[in-house]
Amino acid sequence: MTDLTNAVVLVTGANGGLGAEFVRQALERGATKVYATARNPRTWDDERIVPLALDVTSQESVDAAARTAADVTVVVNNAGIAGSDPLVDVSVEEVERIFATNVFGALRVAKTFAPSIANGALIDVHSALSWVALAGAYSASKAAFWSITNSLRLELAPQGTQVVGAPLGYTDTGMIADLDVEKSDPADIVRSIWDADEAGEHEVLADQVSRDVRAGLSAPLTALYPMLASA
């Protein structure tokens, strides 16, 4: 379990709705400082929040951020980009672009900050689409990120790092603003994730969609993908 009291937290993708909630709620739970990172960080009205430029696709940028934020004890891997076109319809270069942020960027952050978060925590924000392939390269990237998180959980355990995987369903952020679906409140999602972190859990199913998809993984493929039954 990782108590946020007096913690120093770094959040990637902090400009967005989910990222901003991670920042705000970490402070509410007692963090003394939060590095709010983004490619182009926004300004904040709280001196405990340190805006920090961070491009997760650049090792040079991640290294520079790690030097500045050497006191970090908790890292939230929240940065991500969308892209739901079918794999057969997009170029391999577009798939590589999505993987560069959602997979290799997140791994780069985890590896670089691993020494700092010994006896701390790593929070990896996944998607329910990690488990069901309905969004092309995005699903594939989140599936890879989920697998990497499972490996990191085992590999970082000896140094006392708690690794929490957080697969989400539809959450009301700018990334899916145009989708006409029921969406969870980012504040509720982040609250559940921080609760899981402080309770010492390894994975948190923060909404009904993620719980339903996770529960259905043992079913036949035709249950997960009804379109196969009529193909």
Foldseek 3Di string as FASTA:
>chain_A
DAQLAQAEEEEEPLVKQLNVLLVVVSVVRHHQAYAREYCDFDDDDDPRYHDAHADLLDLVRLLVVCVVPVQHQEYELDDAAAAQDAQVPDDVVVLVVRLSRLPSSSVSNCVNCLVNRQLGEYEYEAALLLQAPRRHSNSVSRVNNVVVLVVCCVVSVVSNYAYEYEHYYAAPMPNCVPDPDDHHDSNQSSVQRVVCRVVRHRYTDRDPSSVVSVVCNVPPVCVSPVVVVVD
